[in-house]
């Protein structure tokens, strides 16, 4: 693949990130939570492996939110009127985000609670 095609692909990806940031409130909330976790991790001096886990979990939640947003927009485009199948697709995608977020909270608790107890 030549450099021009790579730049175009990167440009499309960057546009997608900007779009989800501008239009999706939950994505912005997840970013704020991620920033809080990163600051807390820095303050509590996470180990290399703890950082790897935290960064993977943050990515997992943000990716789930982006896929959910893309599916919602696609369903809205293909089925602008309410339809039971469209509702199921949207609900399942939102459920995936919920599972990712709950998993992130549990992993965050496993990593941070012992450190917080040790500090105080």
PDB file of N, CA and C in Angstrom:
ATOM      1  N   UNK A   1       0.855  -1.183   0.000  1.00  0.00           N
ATOM      2  CA  UNK A   1       0.000   0.000   0.000  1.00  0.00           C
ATOM      3  C   UNK A   1       0.896   1.239   0.000  1.00  0.00           C
ATOM      4  N   UNK A   2       0.535   2.184  -0.831  1.00  0.00           N
ATOM      5  CA  UNK A   2       1.383   3.381  -0.894  1.00  0.00           C
ATOM      6  C   UNK A   2       1.044   4.358   0.227  1.00  0.00           C
ATOM      7  N   UNK A   3       1.941   5.332   0.389  1.00  0.00           N
ATOM      8  CA  UNK A   3       1.796   6.295   1.497  1.00  0.00           C
ATOM      9  C   UNK A   3       0.516   7.121   1.391  1.00  0.00           C
ATOM     10  N   UNK A   4       0.126   7.463   0.170  1.00  0.00           N
ATOM     11  CA  UNK A   4      -1.083   8.272  -0.016  1.00  0.00           C
ATOM     12  C   UNK A   4      -2.320   7.531   0.512  1.00  0.00           C
ATOM     13  N   UNK A   5      -2.440   6.249   0.192  1.00  0.00           N
ATOM     14  CA  UNK A   5      -3.587   5.474   0.667  1.00  0.00           C
ATOM     15  C   UNK A   5      -3.561   5.330   2.190  1.00  0.00           C
ATOM     16  N   UNK A   6      -2.368   5.178   2.750  1.00  0.00           N
ATOM     17  CA  UNK A   6      -2.254   5.101   4.212  1.00  0.00           C
ATOM     18  C   UNK A   6      -2.725   6.393   4.863  1.00  0.00           C
ATOM     19  N   UNK A   7      -2.309   7.526   4.280  1.00  0.00           N
ATOM     20  CA  UNK A   7      -2.723   8.822   4.832  1.00  0.00           C
ATOM     21  C   UNK A   7      -4.231   9.014   4.729  1.00  0.00           C
ATOM     22  N   UNK A   8      -4.813   8.570   3.619  1.00  0.00           N
ATOM     23  CA  UNK A   8      -6.262   8.683   3.464  1.00  0.00           C
ATOM     24  C   UNK A   8      -6.961   7.826   4.507  1.00  0.00           C
ATOM     25  N   UNK A   9      -6.475   6.589   4.703  1.00  0.00           N
ATOM     26  CA  UNK A   9      -7.067   5.709   5.714  1.00  0.00           C
ATOM     27  C   UNK A   9      -6.949   6.301   7.103  1.00  0.00           C
ATOM     28  N   UNK A  10      -5.793   6.868   7.417  1.00  0.00           N
ATOM     29  CA  UNK A  10      -5.604   7.507   8.718  1.00  0.00           C
ATOM     30  C   UNK A  10      -6.538   8.706   8.853  1.00  0.00           C
ATOM     31  N   UNK A  11      -6.714   9.454   7.792  1.00  0.00           N
ATOM     32  CA  UNK A  11      -7.600  10.616   7.803  1.00  0.00           C
ATOM     33  C   UNK A  11      -9.041  10.187   8.099  1.00  0.00           C
ATOM     34  N   UNK A  12      -9.501   9.101   7.479  1.00  0.00           N
ATOM     35  CA  UNK A  12     -10.853   8.606   7.742  1.00  0.00           C
ATOM     36  C   UNK A  12     -10.993   8.183   9.204  1.00  0.00           C
ATOM     37  N   UNK A  13      -9.976   7.504   9.712  1.00  0.00           N
ATOM     38  CA  UNK A  13     -10.014   7.047  11.108  1.00  0.00           C
ATOM     39  C   UNK A  13     -10.052   8.245  12.055  1.00  0.00           C
ATOM     40  N   UNK A  14      -9.229   9.244  11.779  1.00  0.00           N
ATOM     41  CA  UNK A  14      -9.205  10.439  12.619  1.00  0.00           C
ATOM     42  C   UNK A  14     -10.553  11.156  12.574  1.00  0.00           C
ATOM     43  N   UNK A  15     -11.156  11.221  11.377  1.00  0.00           N
ATOM     44  CA  UNK A  15     -12.486  11.827  11.242  1.00  0.00           C
ATOM     45  C   UNK A  15     -13.517  11.074  12.087  1.00  0.00           C
ATOM     46  N   UNK A  16     -13.412   9.759  12.115  1.00  0.00           N
ATOM     47  CA  UNK A  16     -14.326   8.959  12.925  1.00  0.00           C
ATOM     48  C   UNK A  16     -14.170   9.254  14.399  1.00  0.00           C
ATOM     49  N   UNK A  17     -12.932   9.384  14.859  1.00  0.00           N
ATOM     50  CA  UNK A  17     -12.694   9.728  16.268  1.00  0.00           C
ATOM     51  C   UNK A  17     -13.264  11.104  16.602  1.00  0.00           C
ATOM     52  N   UNK A  18     -13.022  12.062  15.721  1.00  0.00           N
ATOM     53  CA  UNK A  18     -13.555  13.413  15.954  1.00  0.00           C
ATOM     54  C   UNK A  18     -15.078  13.400  15.983  1.00  0.00           C
ATOM     55  N   UNK A  19     -15.672  12.655  15.081  1.00  0.00           N
ATOM     56  CA  UNK A  19     -17.135  12.597  14.995  1.00  0.00           C
ATOM     57  C   UNK A  19     -17.734  12.001  16.267  1.00  0.00           C
ATOM     58  N   UNK A  20     -17.188  10.887  16.730  1.00  0.00           N
ATOM     59  CA  UNK A  20     -17.740  10.262  17.936  1.00  0.00           C
ATOM     60  C   UNK A  20     -17.514  11.164  19.143  1.00  0.00           C
ATOM     61  N   UNK A  21     -16.404  11.874  19.192  1.00  0.00           N
ATOM     62  CA  UNK A  21     -16.151  12.802  20.299  1.00  0.00           C
ATOM     63  C   UNK A  21     -17.168  13.948  20.277  1.00  0.00           C
ATOM     64  N   UNK A  22     -17.442  14.495  19.092  1.00  0.00           N
ATOM     65  CA  UNK A  22     -18.354  15.639  18.985  1.00  0.00           C
ATOM     66  C   UNK A  22     -19.806  15.257  19.242  1.00  0.00           C
ATOM     67  N   UNK A  23     -20.205  14.054  18.852  1.00  0.00           N
ATOM     68  CA  UNK A  23     -21.632  13.731  18.849  1.00  0.00           C
ATOM     69  C   UNK A  23     -22.081  12.786  19.955  1.00  0.00           C
ATOM     70  N   UNK A  24     -21.162  12.108  20.612  1.00  0.00           N
ATOM     71  CA  UNK A  24     -21.563  11.090  21.585  1.00  0.00           C
ATOM     72  C   UNK A  24     -21.160  11.486  23.006  1.00  0.00           C
ATOM     73  N   UNK A  25     -22.148  11.886  23.777  1.00  0.00           N
ATOM     74  CA  UNK A  25     -21.924  12.308  25.163  1.00  0.00           C
ATOM     75  C   UNK A  25     -21.289  11.196  25.996  1.00  0.00           C
ATOM     76  N   UNK A  26     -21.775   9.971  25.833  1.00  0.00           N
ATOM     77  CA  UNK A  26     -21.230   8.863  26.623  1.00  0.00           C
ATOM     78  C   UNK A  26     -19.759   8.610  26.320  1.00  0.00           C
ATOM     79  N   UNK A  27     -19.353   8.808  25.072  1.00  0.00           N
ATOM     80  CA  UNK A  27     -17.936   8.649  24.724  1.00  0.00           C
ATOM     81  C   UNK A  27     -17.102   9.676  25.484  1.00  0.00           C
ATOM     82  N   UNK A  28     -17.594  10.909  25.530  1.00  0.00           N
ATOM     83  CA  UNK A  28     -16.868  11.950  26.270  1.00  0.00           C
ATOM     84  C   UNK A  28     -16.826  11.630  27.764  1.00  0.00           C
ATOM     85  N   UNK A  29     -17.909  11.101  28.307  1.00  0.00           N
ATOM     86  CA  UNK A  29     -17.917  10.708  29.721  1.00  0.00           C
ATOM     87  C   UNK A  29     -16.903   9.593  29.979  1.00  0.00           C
ATOM     88  N   UNK A  30     -16.829   8.636  29.068  1.00  0.00           N
ATOM     89  CA  UNK A  30     -15.839   7.561  29.218  1.00  0.00           C
ATOM     90  C   UNK A  30     -14.419   8.113  29.131  1.00  0.00           C
ATOM     91  N   UNK A  31     -14.204   9.115  28.281  1.00  0.00           N
ATOM     92  CA  UNK A  31     -12.876   9.734  28.203  1.00  0.00           C
ATOM     93  C   UNK A  31     -12.516  10.444  29.508  1.00  0.00           C
ATOM     94  N   UNK A  32     -13.477  11.127  30.103  1.00  0.00           N
ATOM     95  CA  UNK A  32     -13.232  11.794  31.389  1.00  0.00           C
ATOM     96  C   UNK A  32     -12.897  10.748  32.455  1.00  0.00           C
ATOM     97  N   UNK A  33     -13.653   9.664  32.484  1.00  0.00           N
ATOM     98  CA  UNK A  33     -13.368   8.590  33.438  1.00  0.00           C
ATOM     99  C   UNK A  33     -11.977   8.017  33.192  1.00  0.00           C
ATOM    100  N   UNK A  34     -11.620   7.835  31.921  1.00  0.00           N
ATOM    101  CA  UNK A  34     -10.300   7.299  31.583  1.00  0.00           C
ATOM    102  C   UNK A  34      -9.196   8.245  32.045  1.00  0.00           C
ATOM    103  N   UNK A  35      -9.401   9.535  31.864  1.00  0.00           N
ATOM    104  CA  UNK A  35      -8.413  10.514  32.318  1.00  0.00           C
ATOM    105  C   UNK A  35      -8.254  10.452  33.839  1.00  0.00           C
ATOM    106  N   UNK A  36      -9.372  10.336  34.552  1.00  0.00           N
ATOM    107  CA  UNK A  36      -9.337  10.205  36.003  1.00  0.00           C
ATOM    108  C   UNK A  36      -8.541   8.958  36.415  1.00  0.00           C
ATOM    109  N   UNK A  37      -8.772   7.850  35.726  1.00  0.00           N
ATOM    110  CA  UNK A  37      -8.074   6.595  36.038  1.00  0.00           C
ATOM    111  C   UNK A  37      -6.579   6.726  35.750  1.00  0.00           C
ATOM    112  N   UNK A  38      -6.233   7.372  34.643  1.00  0.00           N
ATOM    113  CA  UNK A  38      -4.817   7.552  34.303  1.00  0.00           C
ATOM    114  C   UNK A  38      -4.125   8.417  35.358  1.00  0.00           C
ATOM    115  N   UNK A  39      -4.765   9.496  35.772  1.00  0.00           N
ATOM    116  CA  UNK A  39      -4.184  10.356  36.816  1.00  0.00           C
ATOM    117  C   UNK A  39      -4.047   9.575  38.122  1.00  0.00           C
ATOM    118  N   UNK A  40      -5.084   8.823  38.492  1.00  0.00           N
ATOM    119  CA  UNK A  40      -5.019   8.016  39.711  1.00  0.00           C
ATOM    120  C   UNK A  40      -3.915   6.968  39.606  1.00  0.00           C
ATOM    121  N   UNK A  41      -3.773   6.372  38.433  1.00  0.00           N
ATOM    122  CA  UNK A  41      -2.714   5.385  38.226  1.00  0.00           C
ATOM    123  C   UNK A  41      -1.331   5.988  38.354  1.00  0.00           C
ATOM    124  N   UNK A  42      -1.175   7.169  37.820  1.00  0.00           N
ATOM    125  CA  UNK A  42       0.111   7.859  37.941  1.00  0.00           C
ATOM    126  C   UNK A  42       0.391   8.177  39.409  1.00  0.00           C
ATOM    127  N   UNK A  43      -0.641   8.688  40.110  1.00  0.00           N
ATOM    128  CA  UNK A  43      -0.492   9.053  41.512  1.00  0.00           C
ATOM    129  C   UNK A  43      -0.172   7.832  42.378  1.00  0.00           C
ATOM    130  N   UNK A  44      -0.791   6.698  42.055  1.00  0.00           N
ATOM    131  CA  UNK A  44      -0.574   5.484  42.850  1.00  0.00           C
ATOM    132  C   UNK A  44       0.570   4.613  42.323  1.00  0.00           C
ATOM    133  N   UNK A  45       1.251   5.119  41.340  1.00  0.00           N
ATOM    134  CA  UNK A  45       2.441   4.452  40.789  1.00  0.00           C
ATOM    135  C   UNK A  45       2.175   2.997  40.416  1.00  0.00           C
ATOM    136  N   UNK A  46       1.280   2.826  39.459  1.00  0.00           N
ATOM    137  CA  UNK A  46       0.955   1.481  38.992  1.00  0.00           C
ATOM    138  C   UNK A  46       2.190   0.805  38.405  1.00  0.00           C
ATOM    139  N   UNK A  47       2.204  -0.503  38.505  1.00  0.00           N
ATOM    140  CA  UNK A  47       3.285  -1.280  37.895  1.00  0.00           C
ATOM    141  C   UNK A  47       3.070  -1.332  36.376  1.00  0.00           C
ATOM    142  N   UNK A  48       4.066  -1.803  35.681  1.00  0.00           N
ATOM    143  CA  UNK A  48       3.969  -1.925  34.219  1.00  0.00           C
ATOM    144  C   UNK A  48       2.775  -2.792  33.822  1.00  0.00           C
ATOM    145  N   UNK A  49       2.607  -3.936  34.492  1.00  0.00           N
ATOM    146  CA  UNK A  49       1.502  -4.838  34.157  1.00  0.00           C
ATOM    147  C   UNK A  49       0.163  -4.240  34.523  1.00  0.00           C
ATOM    148  N   UNK A  50       0.084  -3.494  35.590  1.00  0.00           N
ATOM    149  CA  UNK A  50      -1.161  -2.823  35.946  1.00  0.00           C
ATOM    150  C   UNK A  50      -1.519  -1.780  34.884  1.00  0.00           C
ATOM    151  N   UNK A  51      -0.520  -1.045  34.385  1.00  0.00           N
ATOM    152  CA  UNK A  51      -0.760  -0.080  33.313  1.00  0.00           C
ATOM    153  C   UNK A  51      -1.258  -0.776  32.057  1.00  0.00           C
ATOM    154  N   UNK A  52      -0.649  -1.908  31.737  1.00  0.00           N
ATOM    155  CA  UNK A  52      -1.081  -2.646  30.535  1.00  0.00           C
ATOM    156  C   UNK A  52      -2.549  -3.027  30.666  1.00  0.00           C
ATOM    157  N   UNK A  53      -2.927  -3.557  31.807  1.00  0.00           N
ATOM    158  CA  UNK A  53      -4.320  -3.956  32.024  1.00  0.00           C
ATOM    159  C   UNK A  53      -5.241  -2.740  31.974  1.00  0.00           C
ATOM    160  N   UNK A  54      -4.876  -1.683  32.661  1.00  0.00           N
ATOM    161  CA  UNK A  54      -5.710  -0.472  32.687  1.00  0.00           C
ATOM    162  C   UNK A  54      -5.894   0.095  31.277  1.00  0.00           C
ATOM    163  N   UNK A  55      -4.813   0.193  30.518  1.00  0.00           N
ATOM    164  CA  UNK A  55      -4.914   0.745  29.164  1.00  0.00           C
ATOM    165  C   UNK A  55      -5.734  -0.152  28.240  1.00  0.00           C
ATOM    166  N   UNK A  56      -5.601  -1.464  28.399  1.00  0.00           N
ATOM    167  CA  UNK A  56      -6.428  -2.380  27.603  1.00  0.00           C
ATOM    168  C   UNK A  56      -7.906  -2.232  27.953  1.00  0.00           C
ATOM    169  N   UNK A  57      -8.205  -2.094  29.227  1.00  0.00           N
ATOM    170  CA  UNK A  57      -9.598  -1.953  29.651  1.00  0.00           C
ATOM    171  C   UNK A  57     -10.180  -0.626  29.168  1.00  0.00           C
ATOM    172  N   UNK A  58      -9.407   0.445  29.279  1.00  0.00           N
ATOM    173  CA  UNK A  58      -9.869   1.740  28.762  1.00  0.00           C
ATOM    174  C   UNK A  58     -10.166   1.632  27.270  1.00  0.00           C
ATOM    175  N   UNK A  59      -9.249   1.030  26.532  1.00  0.00           N
ATOM    176  CA  UNK A  59      -9.450   0.854  25.086  1.00  0.00           C
ATOM    177  C   UNK A  59     -10.688   0.020  24.802  1.00  0.00           C
ATOM    178  N   UNK A  60     -10.894  -1.029  25.579  1.00  0.00           N
ATOM    179  CA  UNK A  60     -12.034  -1.915  25.425  1.00  0.00           C
ATOM    180  C   UNK A  60     -13.349  -1.131  25.573  1.00  0.00           C
ATOM    181  N   UNK A  61     -13.433  -0.283  26.565  1.00  0.00           N
ATOM    182  CA  UNK A  61     -14.650   0.501  26.792  1.00  0.00           C
ATOM    183  C   UNK A  61     -14.851   1.521  25.668  1.00  0.00           C
ATOM    184  N   UNK A  62     -13.793   2.226  25.293  1.00  0.00           N
ATOM    185  CA  UNK A  62     -13.922   3.228  24.223  1.00  0.00           C
ATOM    186  C   UNK A  62     -14.285   2.577  22.893  1.00  0.00           C
ATOM    187  N   UNK A  63     -13.676   1.432  22.598  1.00  0.00           N
ATOM    188  CA  UNK A  63     -14.018   0.712  21.360  1.00  0.00           C
ATOM    189  C   UNK A  63     -15.466   0.251  21.383  1.00  0.00           C
ATOM    190  N   UNK A  64     -15.924  -0.281  22.505  1.00  0.00           N
ATOM    191  CA  UNK A  64     -17.318  -0.719  22.609  1.00  0.00           C
ATOM    192  C   UNK A  64     -18.265   0.458  22.381  1.00  0.00           C
ATOM    193  N   UNK A  65     -17.933   1.601  22.954  1.00  0.00           N
ATOM    194  CA  UNK A  65     -18.768   2.792  22.776  1.00  0.00           C
ATOM    195  C   UNK A  65     -18.785   3.240  21.310  1.00  0.00           C
ATOM    196  N   UNK A  66     -17.640   3.179  20.661  1.00  0.00           N
ATOM    197  CA  UNK A  66     -17.577   3.578  19.248  1.00  0.00           C
ATOM    198  C   UNK A  66     -18.368   2.621  18.355  1.00  0.00           C
ATOM    199  N   UNK A  67     -18.245   1.332  18.600  1.00  0.00           N
ATOM    200  CA  UNK A  67     -18.996   0.353  17.814  1.00  0.00           C
ATOM    201  C   UNK A  67     -20.489   0.522  18.061  1.00  0.00           C
ATOM    202  N   UNK A  68     -20.874   0.745  19.305  1.00  0.00           N
ATOM    203  CA  UNK A  68     -22.266   1.007  19.630  1.00  0.00           C
ATOM    204  C   UNK A  68     -22.784   2.235  18.878  1.00  0.00           C
ATOM    205  N   UNK A  69     -22.001   3.297  18.866  1.00  0.00           N
ATOM    206  CA  UNK A  69     -22.412   4.527  18.174  1.00  0.00           C
ATOM    207  C   UNK A  69     -22.558   4.292  16.682  1.00  0.00           C
ATOM    208  N   UNK A  70     -21.603   3.560  16.103  1.00  0.00           N
ATOM    209  CA  UNK A  70     -21.666   3.282  14.666  1.00  0.00           C
ATOM    210  C   UNK A  70     -22.905   2.437  14.336  1.00  0.00           C
ATOM    211  N   UNK A  71     -23.187   1.430  15.144  1.00  0.00           N
ATOM    212  CA  UNK A  71     -24.373   0.601  14.903  1.00  0.00           C
ATOM    213  C   UNK A  71     -25.656   1.414  15.050  1.00  0.00           C
ATOM    214  N   UNK A  72     -25.714   2.271  16.054  1.00  0.00           N
ATOM    215  CA  UNK A  72     -26.910   3.102  16.233  1.00  0.00           C
ATOM    216  C   UNK A  72     -27.142   3.998  15.020  1.00  0.00           C
ATOM    217  N   UNK A  73     -26.066   4.620  14.517  1.00  0.00           N
ATOM    218  CA  UNK A  73     -26.206   5.500  13.353  1.00  0.00           C
ATOM    219  C   UNK A  73     -26.630   4.703  12.118  1.00  0.00           C
ATOM    220  N   UNK A  74     -26.057   3.517  11.941  1.00  0.00           N
ATOM    221  CA  UNK A  74     -26.418   2.677  10.798  1.00  0.00           C
ATOM    222  C   UNK A  74     -27.875   2.244  10.885  1.00  0.00           C
ATOM    223  N   UNK A  75     -28.308   1.807  12.053  1.00  0.00           N
ATOM    224  CA  UNK A  75     -29.699   1.380  12.231  1.00  0.00           C
ATOM    225  C   UNK A  75     -30.643   2.560  12.000  1.00  0.00           C
ATOM    226  N   UNK A  76     -30.304   3.725  12.537  1.00  0.00           N
ATOM    227  CA  UNK A  76     -31.147   4.907  12.317  1.00  0.00           C
ATOM    228  C   UNK A  76     -31.246   5.260  10.836  1.00  0.00           C
ATOM    229  N   UNK A  77     -30.165   5.064  10.111  1.00  0.00           N
ATOM    230  CA  UNK A  77     -30.166   5.360   8.672  1.00  0.00           C
ATOM    231  C   UNK A  77     -31.018   4.347   7.905  1.00  0.00           C
ATOM    232  N   UNK A  78     -30.842   3.071   8.229  1.00  0.00           N
ATOM    233  CA  UNK A  78     -31.554   2.021   7.497  1.00  0.00           C
ATOM    234  C   UNK A  78     -33.013   1.899   7.921  1.00  0.00           C
ATOM    235  N   UNK A  79     -33.306   2.230   9.159  1.00  0.00           N
ATOM    236  CA  UNK A  79     -34.657   2.101   9.698  1.00  0.00           C
ATOM    237  C   UNK A  79     -35.009   3.342  10.513  1.00  0.00           C
ATOM    238  N   UNK A  80     -35.334   4.460   9.823  1.00  0.00           N
ATOM    239  CA  UNK A  80     -35.605   5.705  10.550  1.00  0.00           C
ATOM    240  C   UNK A  80     -36.838   5.629  11.461  1.00  0.00           C
ATOM    241  N   UNK A  81     -37.811   4.816  11.103  1.00  0.00           N
ATOM    242  CA  UNK A  81     -38.989   4.646  11.954  1.00  0.00           C
ATOM    243  C   UNK A  81     -38.704   3.553  12.983  1.00  0.00           C
ATOM    244  N   UNK A  82     -39.449   3.603  14.089  1.00  0.00           N
ATOM    245  CA  UNK A  82     -39.270   2.586  15.129  1.00  0.00           C
ATOM    246  C   UNK A  82     -39.590   1.211  14.557  1.00  0.00           C
ATOM    247  N   UNK A  83     -38.742   0.253  14.890  1.00  0.00           N
ATOM    248  CA  UNK A  83     -38.953  -1.135  14.464  1.00  0.00           C
ATOM    249  C   UNK A  83     -38.417  -2.039  15.569  1.00  0.00           C
ATOM    250  N   UNK A  84     -39.119  -3.137  15.879  1.00  0.00           N
ATOM    251  CA  UNK A  84     -38.660  -3.982  16.989  1.00  0.00           C
ATOM    252  C   UNK A  84     -37.265  -4.578  16.765  1.00  0.00           C
ATOM    253  N   UNK A  85     -36.925  -4.917  15.544  1.00  0.00           N
ATOM    254  CA  UNK A  85     -35.588  -5.472  15.286  1.00  0.00           C
ATOM    255  C   UNK A  85     -34.526  -4.388  15.456  1.00  0.00           C
ATOM    256  N   UNK A  86     -34.815  -3.176  15.002  1.00  0.00           N
ATOM    257  CA  UNK A  86     -33.870  -2.064  15.179  1.00  0.00           C
ATOM    258  C   UNK A  86     -33.642  -1.814  16.664  1.00  0.00           C
ATOM    259  N   UNK A  87     -34.700  -1.894  17.450  1.00  0.00           N
ATOM    260  CA  UNK A  87     -34.575  -1.711  18.898  1.00  0.00           C
ATOM    261  C   UNK A  87     -33.678  -2.785  19.507  1.00  0.00           C
ATOM    262  N   UNK A  88     -33.853  -4.028  19.087  1.00  0.00           N
ATOM    263  CA  UNK A  88     -33.032  -5.117  19.617  1.00  0.00           C
ATOM    264  C   UNK A  88     -31.566  -4.898  19.282  1.00  0.00           C
ATOM    265  N   UNK A  89     -31.264  -4.507  18.040  1.00  0.00           N
ATOM    266  CA  UNK A  89     -29.880  -4.258  17.631  1.00  0.00           C
ATOM    267  C   UNK A  89     -29.263  -3.174  18.507  1.00  0.00           C
ATOM    268  N   UNK A  90     -29.985  -2.087  18.694  1.00  0.00           N
ATOM    269  CA  UNK A  90     -29.478  -0.989  19.522  1.00  0.00           C
ATOM    270  C   UNK A  90     -29.310  -1.412  20.977  1.00  0.00           C
ATOM    271  N   UNK A  91     -30.277  -2.160  21.501  1.00  0.00           N
ATOM    272  CA  UNK A  91     -30.198  -2.599  22.891  1.00  0.00           C
ATOM    273  C   UNK A  91     -29.023  -3.553  23.114  1.00  0.00           C
ATOM    274  N   UNK A  92     -28.798  -4.462  22.180  1.00  0.00           N
ATOM    275  CA  UNK A  92     -27.684  -5.404  22.319  1.00  0.00           C
ATOM    276  C   UNK A  92     -26.351  -4.660  22.275  1.00  0.00           C
ATOM    277  N   UNK A  93     -26.227  -3.697  21.358  1.00  0.00           N
ATOM    278  CA  UNK A  93     -24.984  -2.912  21.273  1.00  0.00           C
ATOM    279  C   UNK A  93     -24.771  -2.109  22.562  1.00  0.00           C
ATOM    280  N   UNK A  94     -25.829  -1.528  23.094  1.00  0.00           N
ATOM    281  CA  UNK A  94     -25.709  -0.787  24.357  1.00  0.00           C
ATOM    282  C   UNK A  94     -25.358  -1.741  25.496  1.00  0.00           C
ATOM    283  N   UNK A  95     -25.897  -2.951  25.479  1.00  0.00           N
ATOM    284  CA  UNK A  95     -25.555  -3.946  26.479  1.00  0.00           C
ATOM    285  C   UNK A  95     -24.084  -4.318  26.434  1.00  0.00           C
ATOM    286  N   UNK A  96     -23.512  -4.352  25.232  1.00  0.00           N
ATOM    287  CA  UNK A  96     -22.080  -4.635  25.105  1.00  0.00           C
ATOM    288  C   UNK A  96     -21.255  -3.550  25.785  1.00  0.00           C
ATOM    289  N   UNK A  97     -21.661  -2.305  25.635  1.00  0.00           N
ATOM    290  CA  UNK A  97     -20.961  -1.201  26.305  1.00  0.00           C
ATOM    291  C   UNK A  97     -21.090  -1.344  27.816  1.00  0.00           C
ATOM    292  N   UNK A  98     -22.273  -1.711  28.270  1.00  0.00           N
ATOM    293  CA  UNK A  98     -22.486  -1.884  29.702  1.00  0.00           C
ATOM    294  C   UNK A  98     -21.576  -2.978  30.263  1.00  0.00           C
ATOM    295  N   UNK A  99     -21.455  -4.096  29.560  1.00  0.00           N
ATOM    296  CA  UNK A  99     -20.568  -5.171  30.009  1.00  0.00           C
ATOM    297  C   UNK A  99     -19.119  -4.679  30.056  1.00  0.00           C
ATOM    298  N   UNK A 100     -18.707  -3.945  29.032  1.00  0.00           N
ATOM    299  CA  UNK A 100     -17.338  -3.407  29.013  1.00  0.00           C
ATOM    300  C   UNK A 100     -17.110  -2.462  30.188  1.00  0.00           C
ATOM    301  N   UNK A 101     -18.082  -1.597  30.461  1.00  0.00           N
ATOM    302  CA  UNK A 101     -17.932  -0.632  31.547  1.00  0.00           C
ATOM    303  C   UNK A 101     -17.918  -1.324  32.913  1.00  0.00           C
ATOM    304  N   UNK A 102     -18.795  -2.294  33.105  1.00  0.00           N
ATOM    305  CA  UNK A 102     -18.811  -3.026  34.379  1.00  0.00           C
ATOM    306  C   UNK A 102     -17.496  -3.771  34.575  1.00  0.00           C
ATOM    307  N   UNK A 103     -17.009  -4.408  33.516  1.00  0.00           N
ATOM    308  CA  UNK A 103     -15.727  -5.112  33.591  1.00  0.00           C
ATOM    309  C   UNK A 103     -14.613  -4.144  33.956  1.00  0.00           C
ATOM    310  N   UNK A 104     -14.630  -2.955  33.356  1.00  0.00           N
ATOM    311  CA  UNK A 104     -13.608  -1.943  33.652  1.00  0.00           C
ATOM    312  C   UNK A 104     -13.661  -1.530  35.121  1.00  0.00           C
ATOM    313  N   UNK A 105     -14.854  -1.344  35.644  1.00  0.00           N
ATOM    314  CA  UNK A 105     -14.988  -0.950  37.051  1.00  0.00           C
ATOM    315  C   UNK A 105     -14.465  -2.054  37.964  1.00  0.00           C
ATOM    316  N   UNK A 106     -14.812  -3.289  37.670  1.00  0.00           N
ATOM    317  CA  UNK A 106     -14.343  -4.409  38.500  1.00  0.00           C
ATOM    318  C   UNK A 106     -12.820  -4.498  38.468  1.00  0.00           C
ATOM    319  N   UNK A 107     -12.241  -4.417  37.279  1.00  0.00           N
ATOM    320  CA  UNK A 107     -10.778  -4.475  37.165  1.00  0.00           C
ATOM    321  C   UNK A 107     -10.144  -3.279  37.865  1.00  0.00           C
ATOM    322  N   UNK A 108     -10.747  -2.109  37.706  1.00  0.00           N
ATOM    323  CA  UNK A 108     -10.240  -0.924  38.405  1.00  0.00           C
ATOM    324  C   UNK A 108     -10.263  -1.119  39.914  1.00  0.00           C
ATOM    325  N   UNK A 109     -11.325  -1.705  40.424  1.00  0.00           N
ATOM    326  CA  UNK A 109     -11.408  -1.959  41.869  1.00  0.00           C
ATOM    327  C   UNK A 109     -10.335  -2.952  42.307  1.00  0.00           C
ATOM    328  N   UNK A 110     -10.129  -3.994  41.524  1.00  0.00           N
ATOM    329  CA  UNK A 110      -9.111  -4.999  41.866  1.00  0.00           C
ATOM    330  C   UNK A 110      -7.729  -4.360  41.929  1.00  0.00           C
ATOM    331  N   UNK A 111      -7.460  -3.429  41.020  1.00  0.00           N
ATOM    332  CA  UNK A 111      -6.137  -2.799  40.981  1.00  0.00           C
ATOM    333  C   UNK A 111      -6.012  -1.680  42.004  1.00  0.00           C
ATOM    334  N   UNK A 112      -7.035  -0.822  42.113  1.00  0.00           N
ATOM    335  CA  UNK A 112      -6.897   0.395  42.904  1.00  0.00           C
ATOM    336  C   UNK A 112      -7.236   0.251  44.387  1.00  0.00           C
ATOM    337  N   UNK A 113      -8.195  -0.561  44.738  1.00  0.00           N
ATOM    338  CA  UNK A 113      -8.599  -0.640  46.151  1.00  0.00           C
ATOM    339  C   UNK A 113      -7.442  -1.066  47.046  1.00  0.00           C
ATOM    340  N   UNK A 114      -6.692  -2.124  46.708  1.00  0.00           N
ATOM    341  CA  UNK A 114      -5.564  -2.469  47.591  1.00  0.00           C
ATOM    342  C   UNK A 114      -4.537  -1.340  47.701  1.00  0.00           C
ATOM    343  N   UNK A 115      -4.301  -0.627  46.620  1.00  0.00           N
ATOM    344  CA  UNK A 115      -3.347   0.481  46.662  1.00  0.00           C
ATOM    345  C   UNK A 115      -3.883   1.615  47.527  1.00  0.00           C
ATOM    346  N   UNK A 116      -5.169   1.893  47.425  1.00  0.00           N
ATOM    347  CA  UNK A 116      -5.776   2.947  48.219  1.00  0.00           C
ATOM    348  C   UNK A 116      -5.732   2.591  49.699  1.00  0.00           C
ATOM    349  N   UNK A 117      -6.008   1.351  50.021  1.00  0.00           N
ATOM    350  CA  UNK A 117      -5.958   0.895  51.420  1.00  0.00           C
ATOM    351  C   UNK A 117      -4.535   0.995  51.955  1.00  0.00           C
ATOM    352  N   UNK A 118      -3.559   0.644  51.123  1.00  0.00           N
ATOM    353  CA  UNK A 118      -2.168   0.693  51.544  1.00  0.00           C
ATOM    354  C   UNK A 118      -1.707   2.137  51.791  1.00  0.00           C
ATOM    355  N   UNK A 119      -2.152   3.063  50.930  1.00  0.00           N
ATOM    356  CA  UNK A 119      -1.753   4.470  51.056  1.00  0.00           C
ATOM    357  C   UNK A 119      -2.362   5.071  52.317  1.00  0.00           C
ATOM    358  N   UNK A 120      -3.583   4.703  52.622  1.00  0.00           N
ATOM    359  CA  UNK A 120      -4.254   5.287  53.792  1.00  0.00           C
ATOM    360  C   UNK A 120      -4.360   4.211  54.822  1.00  0.00           C
TER     361      UNK A 120
END
